[in-house]
Structure formats: structure tokens, C-alpha cells
Amino acid sequence: MNEDLQKILSAVRELYLKYGIKSITMDDVARELCISKKTLYQFVTDKDDLVGKFVDNEISIRKKNIDTCFKPGCNAIEDLFEISLFMNKLMMDHSPATEYDLRKYYPHHYIKIVTSREEGIFNYILLNLKKGKMEGFYRDEINEDIIAKLYLSRFENTRFNDLFTVEDYASLKLFMELLTYHIRGIATKKGIAVFEKKLNELEKNNK
């Protein structure tokens, strides 16, 4: 990506996540970057184009971050812990105003980012299930496709459910409960032993 465009998107990201999208004008963006609107329009055609590039950048950032969850030498359960901790951070950094504005005023871009998120989570969980089976940590008879969809469904429904507050779904405790619920439904005795050891380590580190 062009270095100047990346600088623009970094500034836009801070503005959007702090104030939402609707309230931020092209004048605001130009002012924040100390450039003219004419210069800004050399990189984007209009606000819709800017929002689209912001969304593409968010998708790219999330993909790079979640790829780092898969560390060499880690088993499937260790990978799943890393993925869950990343998703917990994603929720803590989540901006309801930005998501609301995307959904209401830029639905075509909102659909793109939601589709990317859901496909990403589903595919990563599917890979994790296959890996866990090969390592003997997950039961051979589980249906990988169904379990991956159930995992995704729980994640999405927790985010958009009146039963949970913003503080709830951003808390490490909720994510660990969801992870425990998931692992205990699919793991072998060997897998549960590894999971409990990892869980104890995490609890000690967060005391």
C-alpha cells in the first residue's frame, strides 16, 4: 500500500474508532492530517471510497493479527487459547459507534467486514478442529463443519445479545467460559488434561 495512503488510513482509523464515522467529514480528515482536501482527494474519490478503504485496512490488520496466533510448535489447544485471547482484545477495542454507523450508513461496507470476520473465524476454527483431531486432543467423531458453525454462532450471538453488557463480552472471564464450554464438548481426556493445565497457567498469570 502507498505510504501516504497508509498514513491517511491510520489517522482515519483513530478518528472513526473514537468518534464514529458519520460525524467525521472529509474536512476533519484533511485537518487532522494537516493537508488540503485537494490532496486528500488524490487518494480517495469521496467519503464512501474512504470508508471502503478503511474497511479493507481493518480486514487486513485483523488477518495479520490473527495469523500471529498460530505459533510454531504450539498444539491445537494452545492455538485456540491464543485465538480466544485475540478475540477478547478485539471486543475490548470494539467501537459500537463505528459499527453502528457502518451498519446504518454504509451497509455494503458493513456486509463486507462482517462476511470477512465470519469467514475468518469459521476457517480458523475448522483448521483448529482438524489439527486437534490429528494430535488426539479432539474426538474423532465430531463433525468439524457443524462445530465450527456453532462456535461462530456463539461468538456472534454473544456480541449482539441483550443478555450481555459491553463489559461482559469484553471480559476475559466470559471468553474463558465460552472456551471451556467449547473444549469440554469436543476434547478427549488427553485434550482436557492439556486444556486444564493451560487454563491454570492463564489464571496464575492474571492474578
N, C-alpha and C. Protein backbone atom coordinates (compact mmCIF):
# COMPACT_ATOMS: atom_id res chain seq x y z
N MET A 1 0.84 -1.20 0.00
CA MET A 1 0.00 0.00 0.00
C MET A 1 0.87 1.25 0.00
N ASN A 2 0.45 2.26 -0.74
CA ASN A 2 1.15 3.53 -0.78
C ASN A 2 1.33 4.08 0.65
N GLU A 3 2.55 4.55 0.93
CA GLU A 3 2.86 5.01 2.28
C GLU A 3 1.99 6.20 2.70
N ASP A 4 1.72 7.11 1.77
CA ASP A 4 0.88 8.26 2.08
C ASP A 4 -0.57 7.84 2.36
N LEU A 5 -1.06 6.86 1.59
CA LEU A 5 -2.41 6.36 1.83
C LEU A 5 -2.48 5.66 3.17
N GLN A 6 -1.45 4.92 3.53
CA GLN A 6 -1.42 4.24 4.82
C GLN A 6 -1.46 5.24 5.97
N LYS A 7 -0.75 6.35 5.80
CA LYS A 7 -0.77 7.41 6.82
C LYS A 7 -2.18 7.99 6.96
N ILE A 8 -2.84 8.18 5.84
CA ILE A 8 -4.22 8.69 5.86
C ILE A 8 -5.14 7.71 6.59
N LEU A 9 -5.02 6.43 6.25
CA LEU A 9 -5.90 5.43 6.85
C LEU A 9 -5.64 5.25 8.34
N SER A 10 -4.40 5.43 8.76
CA SER A 10 -4.08 5.33 10.19
C SER A 10 -4.76 6.46 10.95
N ALA A 11 -4.73 7.67 10.38
CA ALA A 11 -5.39 8.82 11.02
C ALA A 11 -6.91 8.64 11.01
N VAL A 12 -7.45 8.17 9.89
CA VAL A 12 -8.88 7.93 9.77
C VAL A 12 -9.34 6.88 10.77
N ARG A 13 -8.55 5.85 10.95
CA ARG A 13 -8.89 4.79 11.89
C ARG A 13 -9.05 5.34 13.30
N GLU A 14 -8.12 6.18 13.72
CA GLU A 14 -8.20 6.78 15.05
C GLU A 14 -9.45 7.64 15.20
N LEU A 15 -9.74 8.42 14.17
CA LEU A 15 -10.92 9.29 14.21
C LEU A 15 -12.21 8.48 14.24
N TYR A 16 -12.31 7.47 13.37
CA TYR A 16 -13.54 6.67 13.28
C TYR A 16 -13.78 5.87 14.57
N LEU A 17 -12.73 5.26 15.11
CA LEU A 17 -12.91 4.45 16.31
C LEU A 17 -13.23 5.30 17.53
N LYS A 18 -12.81 6.55 17.51
CA LYS A 18 -13.07 7.44 18.64
C LYS A 18 -14.41 8.15 18.53
N TYR A 19 -14.75 8.61 17.32
CA TYR A 19 -15.94 9.43 17.15
C TYR A 19 -17.05 8.81 16.30
N GLY A 20 -16.81 7.64 15.72
CA GLY A 20 -17.75 7.09 14.77
C GLY A 20 -17.44 7.61 13.38
N ILE A 21 -18.21 7.16 12.40
CA ILE A 21 -17.93 7.52 11.00
C ILE A 21 -18.75 8.71 10.53
N LYS A 22 -20.03 8.72 10.85
CA LYS A 22 -20.93 9.74 10.31
C LYS A 22 -20.48 11.16 10.64
N SER A 23 -20.01 11.38 11.86
CA SER A 23 -19.68 12.73 12.30
C SER A 23 -18.36 13.26 11.74
N ILE A 24 -17.54 12.36 11.19
CA ILE A 24 -16.22 12.77 10.67
C ILE A 24 -16.33 13.12 9.19
N THR A 25 -16.10 14.39 8.88
CA THR A 25 -16.18 14.85 7.48
C THR A 25 -14.82 14.75 6.80
N MET A 26 -14.82 14.95 5.50
CA MET A 26 -13.56 14.97 4.77
C MET A 26 -12.70 16.16 5.21
N ASP A 27 -13.36 17.25 5.59
CA ASP A 27 -12.64 18.41 6.14
C ASP A 27 -11.91 18.03 7.43
N ASP A 28 -12.60 17.25 8.27
CA ASP A 28 -11.99 16.81 9.53
C ASP A 28 -10.74 15.97 9.27
N VAL A 29 -10.84 15.07 8.30
CA VAL A 29 -9.72 14.20 7.96
C VAL A 29 -8.54 15.03 7.45
N ALA A 30 -8.83 15.94 6.53
CA ALA A 30 -7.78 16.79 5.97
C ALA A 30 -7.13 17.63 7.07
N ARG A 31 -7.95 18.15 7.98
CA ARG A 31 -7.45 18.98 9.07
C ARG A 31 -6.56 18.15 10.01
N GLU A 32 -7.00 16.94 10.30
CA GLU A 32 -6.22 16.05 11.18
C GLU A 32 -4.85 15.74 10.59
N LEU A 33 -4.79 15.60 9.26
CA LEU A 33 -3.54 15.25 8.58
C LEU A 33 -2.73 16.48 8.18
N CYS A 34 -3.32 17.66 8.41
CA CYS A 34 -2.65 18.91 8.01
C CYS A 34 -2.37 18.94 6.50
N ILE A 35 -3.36 18.51 5.73
CA ILE A 35 -3.26 18.56 4.28
C ILE A 35 -4.53 19.21 3.74
N SER A 36 -4.51 19.57 2.48
CA SER A 36 -5.70 20.15 1.86
C SER A 36 -6.65 19.04 1.42
N LYS A 37 -7.92 19.38 1.23
CA LYS A 37 -8.87 18.38 0.72
C LYS A 37 -8.48 17.95 -0.70
N LYS A 38 -7.89 18.86 -1.45
CA LYS A 38 -7.45 18.54 -2.80
C LYS A 38 -6.41 17.42 -2.76
N THR A 39 -5.51 17.50 -1.80
CA THR A 39 -4.50 16.44 -1.64
C THR A 39 -5.16 15.13 -1.22
N LEU A 40 -6.13 15.22 -0.29
CA LEU A 40 -6.84 14.03 0.18
C LEU A 40 -7.54 13.33 -0.97
N TYR A 41 -8.13 14.12 -1.88
CA TYR A 41 -8.87 13.55 -3.00
C TYR A 41 -7.96 12.95 -4.08
N GLN A 42 -6.66 13.07 -3.90
CA GLN A 42 -5.74 12.37 -4.79
C GLN A 42 -5.68 10.88 -4.45
N PHE A 43 -6.14 10.54 -3.25
CA PHE A 43 -6.06 9.16 -2.78
C PHE A 43 -7.43 8.48 -2.70
N VAL A 44 -8.49 9.27 -2.54
CA VAL A 44 -9.85 8.72 -2.49
C VAL A 44 -10.78 9.61 -3.31
N THR A 45 -11.83 9.02 -3.86
CA THR A 45 -12.74 9.80 -4.71
C THR A 45 -13.79 10.54 -3.90
N ASP A 46 -14.21 9.95 -2.76
CA ASP A 46 -15.21 10.58 -1.90
C ASP A 46 -15.20 9.86 -0.55
N LYS A 47 -16.13 10.22 0.33
CA LYS A 47 -16.14 9.63 1.67
C LYS A 47 -16.46 8.13 1.61
N ASP A 48 -17.35 7.74 0.72
CA ASP A 48 -17.68 6.32 0.59
C ASP A 48 -16.44 5.51 0.22
N ASP A 49 -15.63 6.06 -0.67
CA ASP A 49 -14.39 5.39 -1.06
C ASP A 49 -13.43 5.32 0.12
N LEU A 50 -13.37 6.40 0.92
CA LEU A 50 -12.51 6.42 2.10
C LEU A 50 -12.95 5.37 3.12
N VAL A 51 -14.26 5.28 3.34
CA VAL A 51 -14.79 4.28 4.27
C VAL A 51 -14.48 2.87 3.77
N GLY A 52 -14.60 2.67 2.46
CA GLY A 52 -14.28 1.37 1.88
C GLY A 52 -12.83 0.99 2.09
N LYS A 53 -11.94 1.97 1.93
CA LYS A 53 -10.50 1.70 2.14
C LYS A 53 -10.21 1.48 3.62
N PHE A 54 -10.93 2.18 4.48
CA PHE A 54 -10.81 1.95 5.92
C PHE A 54 -11.20 0.51 6.27
N VAL A 55 -12.30 0.05 5.70
CA VAL A 55 -12.77 -1.32 5.95
C VAL A 55 -11.76 -2.34 5.44
N ASP A 56 -11.24 -2.13 4.23
CA ASP A 56 -10.23 -3.05 3.69
C ASP A 56 -9.00 -3.09 4.59
N ASN A 57 -8.62 -1.94 5.12
CA ASN A 57 -7.46 -1.87 6.01
C ASN A 57 -7.72 -2.61 7.31
N GLU A 58 -8.95 -2.47 7.84
CA GLU A 58 -9.31 -3.19 9.07
C GLU A 58 -9.25 -4.70 8.86
N ILE A 59 -9.75 -5.15 7.73
CA ILE A 59 -9.73 -6.58 7.41
C ILE A 59 -8.29 -7.08 7.34
N SER A 60 -7.42 -6.30 6.71
CA SER A 60 -6.01 -6.66 6.58
C SER A 60 -5.32 -6.71 7.94
N ILE A 61 -5.60 -5.72 8.80
CA ILE A 61 -4.99 -5.67 10.13
C ILE A 61 -5.41 -6.88 10.95
N ARG A 62 -6.70 -7.20 10.92
CA ARG A 62 -7.20 -8.33 11.71
C ARG A 62 -6.62 -9.65 11.23
N LYS A 63 -6.50 -9.80 9.93
CA LYS A 63 -5.94 -11.05 9.38
C LYS A 63 -4.50 -11.22 9.82
N LYS A 64 -3.72 -10.16 9.75
CA LYS A 64 -2.31 -10.23 10.16
C LYS A 64 -2.21 -10.56 11.65
N ASN A 65 -3.07 -9.94 12.45
CA ASN A 65 -3.02 -10.18 13.89
C ASN A 65 -3.42 -11.60 14.26
N ILE A 66 -4.46 -12.11 13.62
CA ILE A 66 -4.91 -13.47 13.96
C ILE A 66 -3.93 -14.52 13.44
N ASP A 67 -3.22 -14.20 12.35
CA ASP A 67 -2.20 -15.14 11.84
C ASP A 67 -1.08 -15.34 12.85
N THR A 68 -0.82 -14.31 13.67
CA THR A 68 0.24 -14.42 14.68
C THR A 68 -0.17 -15.33 15.83
N CYS A 69 -1.46 -15.68 15.91
CA CYS A 69 -1.94 -16.57 16.97
C CYS A 69 -1.40 -18.00 16.77
N PHE A 70 -1.05 -18.32 15.53
CA PHE A 70 -0.58 -19.67 15.23
C PHE A 70 0.94 -19.69 15.28
N LYS A 71 1.47 -20.03 16.46
CA LYS A 71 2.91 -20.02 16.68
C LYS A 71 3.50 -21.41 16.43
N PRO A 72 4.69 -21.47 15.86
CA PRO A 72 5.33 -22.77 15.59
C PRO A 72 5.50 -23.57 16.87
N GLY A 73 5.20 -24.86 16.80
CA GLY A 73 5.39 -25.74 17.95
C GLY A 73 4.22 -25.80 18.91
N CYS A 74 3.18 -24.98 18.67
CA CYS A 74 2.02 -25.00 19.57
C CYS A 74 1.01 -26.05 19.11
N ASN A 75 0.33 -26.67 20.06
CA ASN A 75 -0.71 -27.63 19.70
C ASN A 75 -2.04 -26.92 19.48
N ALA A 76 -3.06 -27.67 19.10
CA ALA A 76 -4.35 -27.08 18.75
C ALA A 76 -4.99 -26.34 19.92
N ILE A 77 -4.87 -26.86 21.12
CA ILE A 77 -5.48 -26.21 22.28
C ILE A 77 -4.75 -24.92 22.62
N GLU A 78 -3.43 -24.93 22.50
CA GLU A 78 -2.66 -23.70 22.73
C GLU A 78 -3.01 -22.65 21.67
N ASP A 79 -3.17 -23.09 20.43
CA ASP A 79 -3.59 -22.17 19.36
C ASP A 79 -4.94 -21.54 19.68
N LEU A 80 -5.86 -22.38 20.17
CA LEU A 80 -7.22 -21.91 20.46
C LEU A 80 -7.22 -20.88 21.59
N PHE A 81 -6.34 -21.07 22.57
CA PHE A 81 -6.20 -20.08 23.64
C PHE A 81 -5.77 -18.74 23.05
N GLU A 82 -4.78 -18.78 22.15
CA GLU A 82 -4.28 -17.55 21.56
C GLU A 82 -5.36 -16.86 20.73
N ILE A 83 -6.12 -17.66 19.97
CA ILE A 83 -7.20 -17.10 19.16
C ILE A 83 -8.24 -16.44 20.07
N SER A 84 -8.59 -17.12 21.16
CA SER A 84 -9.61 -16.60 22.08
C SER A 84 -9.15 -15.31 22.76
N LEU A 85 -7.86 -15.25 23.14
CA LEU A 85 -7.33 -14.04 23.76
C LEU A 85 -7.33 -12.88 22.77
N PHE A 86 -7.03 -13.20 21.49
CA PHE A 86 -7.07 -12.17 20.46
C PHE A 86 -8.50 -11.65 20.27
N MET A 87 -9.45 -12.56 20.23
CA MET A 87 -10.85 -12.17 20.04
C MET A 87 -11.35 -11.35 21.23
N ASN A 88 -10.86 -11.68 22.43
CA ASN A 88 -11.19 -10.91 23.61
C ASN A 88 -10.68 -9.48 23.47
N LYS A 89 -9.45 -9.34 22.98
CA LYS A 89 -8.87 -8.00 22.77
C LYS A 89 -9.66 -7.25 21.69
N LEU A 90 -10.09 -7.98 20.67
CA LEU A 90 -10.88 -7.38 19.60
C LEU A 90 -12.16 -6.77 20.17
N MET A 91 -12.78 -7.48 21.11
CA MET A 91 -14.01 -6.98 21.72
C MET A 91 -13.74 -5.77 22.62
N MET A 92 -12.60 -5.78 23.32
CA MET A 92 -12.27 -4.66 24.19
C MET A 92 -12.00 -3.40 23.37
N ASP A 93 -11.44 -3.58 22.18
CA ASP A 93 -11.12 -2.45 21.31
C ASP A 93 -12.30 -2.06 20.41
N HIS A 94 -13.38 -2.81 20.52
CA HIS A 94 -14.53 -2.62 19.65
C HIS A 94 -15.18 -1.25 19.86
N SER A 95 -15.54 -0.59 18.76
CA SER A 95 -16.21 0.71 18.83
C SER A 95 -17.66 0.56 18.38
N PRO A 96 -18.62 0.55 19.32
CA PRO A 96 -20.04 0.41 18.95
C PRO A 96 -20.51 1.50 17.98
N ALA A 97 -20.01 2.74 18.17
CA ALA A 97 -20.42 3.85 17.31
C ALA A 97 -19.98 3.62 15.87
N THR A 98 -18.76 3.15 15.71
CA THR A 98 -18.24 2.89 14.36
C THR A 98 -19.03 1.78 13.68
N GLU A 99 -19.31 0.71 14.43
CA GLU A 99 -20.07 -0.40 13.86
C GLU A 99 -21.50 0.03 13.53
N TYR A 100 -22.09 0.82 14.38
CA TYR A 100 -23.45 1.31 14.14
C TYR A 100 -23.50 2.15 12.87
N ASP A 101 -22.55 3.07 12.72
CA ASP A 101 -22.51 3.94 11.53
C ASP A 101 -22.28 3.14 10.27
N LEU A 102 -21.42 2.14 10.35
CA LEU A 102 -21.17 1.28 9.18
C LEU A 102 -22.45 0.57 8.78
N ARG A 103 -23.12 0.00 9.78
CA ARG A 103 -24.33 -0.79 9.51
C ARG A 103 -25.46 0.08 8.95
N LYS A 104 -25.60 1.30 9.47
CA LYS A 104 -26.71 2.16 9.07
C LYS A 104 -26.45 2.95 7.78
N TYR A 105 -25.24 3.51 7.66
CA TYR A 105 -24.99 4.43 6.56
C TYR A 105 -24.14 3.84 5.42
N TYR A 106 -23.42 2.76 5.72
CA TYR A 106 -22.58 2.14 4.69
C TYR A 106 -22.78 0.62 4.72
N PRO A 107 -24.02 0.16 4.51
CA PRO A 107 -24.32 -1.28 4.65
C PRO A 107 -23.49 -2.18 3.73
N HIS A 108 -23.12 -1.69 2.53
CA HIS A 108 -22.33 -2.50 1.61
C HIS A 108 -20.93 -2.76 2.18
N HIS A 109 -20.37 -1.76 2.87
CA HIS A 109 -19.07 -1.95 3.51
C HIS A 109 -19.21 -2.78 4.79
N TYR A 110 -20.33 -2.59 5.49
CA TYR A 110 -20.57 -3.35 6.72
C TYR A 110 -20.68 -4.84 6.41
N ILE A 111 -21.41 -5.18 5.36
CA ILE A 111 -21.55 -6.58 4.97
C ILE A 111 -20.19 -7.19 4.65
N LYS A 112 -19.34 -6.40 4.02
CA LYS A 112 -18.01 -6.88 3.65
C LYS A 112 -17.17 -7.23 4.87
N ILE A 113 -17.18 -6.35 5.88
CA ILE A 113 -16.35 -6.60 7.05
C ILE A 113 -16.92 -7.73 7.91
N VAL A 114 -18.26 -7.82 7.98
CA VAL A 114 -18.88 -8.91 8.73
C VAL A 114 -18.62 -10.25 8.06
N THR A 115 -18.77 -10.28 6.73
CA THR A 115 -18.52 -11.52 5.98
C THR A 115 -17.09 -11.97 6.15
N SER A 116 -16.16 -11.03 6.08
CA SER A 116 -14.75 -11.35 6.25
C SER A 116 -14.48 -11.90 7.65
N ARG A 117 -15.08 -11.27 8.67
CA ARG A 117 -14.89 -11.73 10.05
C ARG A 117 -15.44 -13.13 10.25
N GLU A 118 -16.65 -13.36 9.76
CA GLU A 118 -17.28 -14.66 9.95
C GLU A 118 -16.55 -15.76 9.20
N GLU A 119 -16.16 -15.48 7.97
CA GLU A 119 -15.42 -16.48 7.19
C GLU A 119 -14.07 -16.77 7.84
N GLY A 120 -13.43 -15.72 8.36
CA GLY A 120 -12.14 -15.89 9.01
C GLY A 120 -12.24 -16.76 10.25
N ILE A 121 -13.20 -16.46 11.13
CA ILE A 121 -13.38 -17.23 12.35
C ILE A 121 -13.72 -18.68 12.01
N PHE A 122 -14.67 -18.86 11.09
CA PHE A 122 -15.08 -20.22 10.71
C PHE A 122 -13.90 -21.03 10.19
N ASN A 123 -13.11 -20.45 9.30
CA ASN A 123 -11.99 -21.18 8.69
C ASN A 123 -10.89 -21.48 9.70
N TYR A 124 -10.61 -20.54 10.61
CA TYR A 124 -9.59 -20.78 11.62
C TYR A 124 -10.01 -21.87 12.59
N ILE A 125 -11.28 -21.87 12.98
CA ILE A 125 -11.78 -22.91 13.89
C ILE A 125 -11.80 -24.26 13.18
N LEU A 126 -12.17 -24.27 11.92
CA LEU A 126 -12.17 -25.52 11.15
C LEU A 126 -10.77 -26.12 11.10
N LEU A 127 -9.77 -25.28 10.82
CA LEU A 127 -8.38 -25.75 10.79
C LEU A 127 -7.95 -26.26 12.17
N ASN A 128 -8.39 -25.56 13.21
CA ASN A 128 -8.04 -25.95 14.56
C ASN A 128 -8.63 -27.31 14.91
N LEU A 129 -9.86 -27.55 14.49
CA LEU A 129 -10.51 -28.84 14.76
C LEU A 129 -9.79 -29.99 14.05
N LYS A 130 -9.39 -29.76 12.82
CA LYS A 130 -8.66 -30.78 12.07
C LYS A 130 -7.31 -31.07 12.74
N LYS A 131 -6.63 -30.01 13.16
CA LYS A 131 -5.33 -30.16 13.82
C LYS A 131 -5.49 -30.91 15.14
N GLY A 132 -6.51 -30.54 15.92
CA GLY A 132 -6.74 -31.18 17.20
C GLY A 132 -7.06 -32.66 17.08
N LYS A 133 -7.78 -33.02 16.04
CA LYS A 133 -8.07 -34.43 15.79
C LYS A 133 -6.79 -35.20 15.50
N MET A 134 -5.94 -34.64 14.66
CA MET A 134 -4.68 -35.29 14.30
C MET A 134 -3.78 -35.48 15.51
N GLU A 135 -3.84 -34.55 16.46
CA GLU A 135 -3.00 -34.62 17.65
C GLU A 135 -3.61 -35.50 18.75
N GLY A 136 -4.86 -35.92 18.54
CA GLY A 136 -5.52 -36.75 19.54
C GLY A 136 -6.14 -35.97 20.68
N PHE A 137 -6.26 -34.64 20.52
CA PHE A 137 -6.84 -33.80 21.57
C PHE A 137 -8.35 -33.64 21.41
N TYR A 138 -8.86 -33.81 20.19
CA TYR A 138 -10.29 -33.70 19.92
C TYR A 138 -10.83 -35.05 19.46
N ARG A 139 -12.07 -35.31 19.80
CA ARG A 139 -12.69 -36.60 19.46
C ARG A 139 -12.83 -36.77 17.95
N ASP A 140 -12.54 -37.97 17.46
CA ASP A 140 -12.58 -38.26 16.03
C ASP A 140 -13.97 -38.12 15.43
N GLU A 141 -15.00 -38.39 16.24
CA GLU A 141 -16.35 -38.46 15.68
C GLU A 141 -17.03 -37.10 15.55
N ILE A 142 -16.43 -36.02 16.05
CA ILE A 142 -17.10 -34.71 15.96
C ILE A 142 -17.20 -34.26 14.50
N ASN A 143 -18.28 -33.57 14.19
CA ASN A 143 -18.49 -33.03 12.86
C ASN A 143 -17.86 -31.63 12.81
N GLU A 144 -16.73 -31.52 12.11
CA GLU A 144 -15.96 -30.27 12.11
C GLU A 144 -16.77 -29.09 11.60
N ASP A 145 -17.52 -29.29 10.54
CA ASP A 145 -18.28 -28.20 9.93
C ASP A 145 -19.34 -27.68 10.90
N ILE A 146 -20.07 -28.58 11.54
CA ILE A 146 -21.12 -28.18 12.47
C ILE A 146 -20.53 -27.48 13.70
N ILE A 147 -19.46 -28.03 14.24
CA ILE A 147 -18.84 -27.44 15.43
C ILE A 147 -18.30 -26.04 15.13
N ALA A 148 -17.67 -25.87 13.96
CA ALA A 148 -17.14 -24.55 13.58
C ALA A 148 -18.28 -23.54 13.45
N LYS A 149 -19.42 -23.97 12.90
CA LYS A 149 -20.58 -23.07 12.77
C LYS A 149 -21.17 -22.74 14.15
N LEU A 150 -21.20 -23.71 15.05
CA LEU A 150 -21.71 -23.46 16.40
C LEU A 150 -20.81 -22.47 17.13
N TYR A 151 -19.50 -22.62 16.96
CA TYR A 151 -18.55 -21.70 17.59
C TYR A 151 -18.78 -20.27 17.08
N LEU A 152 -18.90 -20.14 15.77
CA LEU A 152 -19.13 -18.83 15.16
C LEU A 152 -20.45 -18.24 15.64
N SER A 153 -21.48 -19.08 15.70
CA SER A 153 -22.80 -18.62 16.12
C SER A 153 -22.76 -18.10 17.56
N ARG A 154 -22.08 -18.81 18.44
CA ARG A 154 -21.98 -18.37 19.84
C ARG A 154 -21.26 -17.03 19.93
N PHE A 155 -20.18 -16.90 19.14
CA PHE A 155 -19.40 -15.66 19.16
C PHE A 155 -20.26 -14.48 18.70
N GLU A 156 -20.94 -14.64 17.58
CA GLU A 156 -21.74 -13.54 17.03
C GLU A 156 -22.95 -13.23 17.91
N ASN A 157 -23.61 -14.26 18.42
CA ASN A 157 -24.80 -14.04 19.25
C ASN A 157 -24.46 -13.39 20.58
N THR A 158 -23.28 -13.68 21.11
CA THR A 158 -22.86 -13.06 22.35
C THR A 158 -22.67 -11.56 22.17
N ARG A 159 -22.16 -11.18 20.99
CA ARG A 159 -21.91 -9.76 20.71
C ARG A 159 -23.20 -8.98 20.54
N PHE A 160 -24.23 -9.61 19.99
CA PHE A 160 -25.49 -8.91 19.71
C PHE A 160 -26.62 -9.52 20.52
N ASN A 161 -26.43 -9.55 21.84
CA ASN A 161 -27.42 -10.17 22.72
C ASN A 161 -27.62 -9.27 23.94
N ASP A 162 -28.86 -8.95 24.24
CA ASP A 162 -29.16 -8.07 25.37
C ASP A 162 -28.83 -8.69 26.72
N LEU A 163 -28.58 -10.01 26.74
CA LEU A 163 -28.25 -10.67 27.99
C LEU A 163 -26.86 -10.28 28.48
N PHE A 164 -26.00 -9.84 27.55
CA PHE A 164 -24.63 -9.49 27.90
C PHE A 164 -24.38 -8.00 27.68
N THR A 165 -23.73 -7.38 28.65
CA THR A 165 -23.37 -5.97 28.52
C THR A 165 -22.07 -5.87 27.72
N VAL A 166 -21.71 -4.64 27.35
CA VAL A 166 -20.45 -4.41 26.65
C VAL A 166 -19.29 -4.91 27.51
N GLU A 167 -19.38 -4.65 28.82
CA GLU A 167 -18.33 -5.09 29.74
C GLU A 167 -18.24 -6.62 29.80
N ASP A 168 -19.40 -7.28 29.71
CA ASP A 168 -19.43 -8.74 29.74
C ASP A 168 -18.68 -9.33 28.56
N TYR A 169 -19.06 -8.92 27.35
CA TYR A 169 -18.47 -9.58 26.19
C TYR A 169 -17.05 -9.14 25.92
N ALA A 170 -16.58 -8.11 26.64
CA ALA A 170 -15.17 -7.71 26.52
C ALA A 170 -14.33 -8.31 27.64
N SER A 171 -14.98 -9.07 28.54
CA SER A 171 -14.25 -9.59 29.69
C SER A 171 -13.57 -10.92 29.36
N LEU A 172 -12.42 -11.11 29.97
CA LEU A 172 -11.67 -12.35 29.80
C LEU A 172 -12.44 -13.52 30.40
N LYS A 173 -13.17 -13.26 31.48
CA LYS A 173 -13.92 -14.32 32.15
C LYS A 173 -14.95 -14.94 31.22
N LEU A 174 -15.70 -14.10 30.49
CA LEU A 174 -16.71 -14.63 29.57
C LEU A 174 -16.07 -15.46 28.47
N PHE A 175 -14.97 -14.98 27.92
CA PHE A 175 -14.33 -15.72 26.85
C PHE A 175 -13.77 -17.05 27.33
N MET A 176 -13.26 -17.08 28.57
CA MET A 176 -12.75 -18.33 29.10
C MET A 176 -13.88 -19.33 29.36
N GLU A 177 -15.03 -18.81 29.77
CA GLU A 177 -16.18 -19.69 29.96
C GLU A 177 -16.64 -20.27 28.62
N LEU A 178 -16.67 -19.43 27.59
CA LEU A 178 -17.05 -19.91 26.25
C LEU A 178 -16.05 -20.93 25.74
N LEU A 179 -14.76 -20.67 26.00
CA LEU A 179 -13.72 -21.59 25.55
C LEU A 179 -13.84 -22.92 26.29
N THR A 180 -14.10 -22.86 27.59
CA THR A 180 -14.26 -24.08 28.38
C THR A 180 -15.46 -24.88 27.86
N TYR A 181 -16.55 -24.19 27.60
CA TYR A 181 -17.76 -24.81 27.06
C TYR A 181 -17.45 -25.52 25.74
N HIS A 182 -16.67 -24.86 24.90
CA HIS A 182 -16.31 -25.39 23.58
C HIS A 182 -15.39 -26.61 23.72
N ILE A 183 -14.32 -26.46 24.49
CA ILE A 183 -13.32 -27.53 24.60
C ILE A 183 -13.90 -28.78 25.25
N ARG A 184 -14.66 -28.60 26.31
CA ARG A 184 -15.19 -29.78 27.02
C ARG A 184 -16.21 -30.54 26.18
N GLY A 185 -16.74 -29.90 25.16
CA GLY A 185 -17.68 -30.59 24.29
C GLY A 185 -17.01 -31.38 23.17
N ILE A 186 -15.74 -31.11 22.91
CA ILE A 186 -15.08 -31.75 21.76
C ILE A 186 -13.81 -32.51 22.11
N ALA A 187 -13.27 -32.30 23.31
CA ALA A 187 -11.95 -32.84 23.63
C ALA A 187 -11.98 -34.29 24.15
N THR A 188 -10.88 -34.94 23.93
CA THR A 188 -10.64 -36.26 24.52
C THR A 188 -10.12 -36.04 25.95
N LYS A 189 -9.92 -37.12 26.70
CA LYS A 189 -9.34 -37.00 28.05
C LYS A 189 -7.96 -36.36 27.97
N LYS A 190 -7.21 -36.74 26.96
CA LYS A 190 -5.88 -36.18 26.74
C LYS A 190 -5.98 -34.67 26.49
N GLY A 191 -6.94 -34.28 25.70
CA GLY A 191 -7.13 -32.87 25.38
C GLY A 191 -7.57 -32.06 26.59
N ILE A 192 -8.48 -32.62 27.39
CA ILE A 192 -8.96 -31.93 28.58
C ILE A 192 -7.82 -31.71 29.58
N ALA A 193 -6.93 -32.69 29.69
CA ALA A 193 -5.78 -32.55 30.59
C ALA A 193 -4.88 -31.39 30.15
N VAL A 194 -4.65 -31.29 28.85
CA VAL A 194 -3.84 -30.20 28.32
C VAL A 194 -4.54 -28.86 28.52
N PHE A 195 -5.85 -28.86 28.30
CA PHE A 195 -6.65 -27.64 28.46
C PHE A 195 -6.61 -27.15 29.90
N GLU A 196 -6.81 -28.04 30.86
CA GLU A 196 -6.83 -27.64 32.27
C GLU A 196 -5.47 -27.10 32.71
N LYS A 197 -4.40 -27.69 32.19
CA LYS A 197 -3.06 -27.20 32.52
C LYS A 197 -2.88 -25.78 31.98
N LYS A 198 -3.31 -25.57 30.73
CA LYS A 198 -3.18 -24.25 30.11
C LYS A 198 -4.06 -23.22 30.83
N LEU A 199 -5.25 -23.64 31.24
CA LEU A 199 -6.17 -22.76 31.95
C LEU A 199 -5.59 -22.33 33.29
N ASN A 200 -4.96 -23.27 34.00
CA ASN A 200 -4.33 -22.95 35.28
C ASN A 200 -3.19 -21.96 35.10
N GLU A 201 -2.42 -22.13 34.03
CA GLU A 201 -1.32 -21.21 33.75
C GLU A 201 -1.84 -19.80 33.50
N LEU A 202 -2.93 -19.72 32.74
CA LEU A 202 -3.52 -18.42 32.42
C LEU A 202 -4.05 -17.74 33.68
N GLU A 203 -4.71 -18.51 34.55
CA GLU A 203 -5.27 -17.95 35.78
C GLU A 203 -4.16 -17.44 36.70
N LYS A 204 -3.04 -18.16 36.78
CA LYS A 204 -1.91 -17.72 37.60
C LYS A 204 -1.31 -16.43 37.06
N ASN A 205 -1.21 -16.34 35.73
CA ASN A 205 -0.61 -15.16 35.10
C ASN A 205 -1.49 -13.92 35.22
N ASN A 206 -2.81 -14.13 35.46
CA ASN A 206 -3.72 -12.99 35.54
C ASN A 206 -4.15 -12.66 36.96
N LYS A 207 -3.45 -13.23 37.94
CA LYS A 207 -3.77 -12.92 39.34
C LYS A 207 -3.08 -11.61 39.75
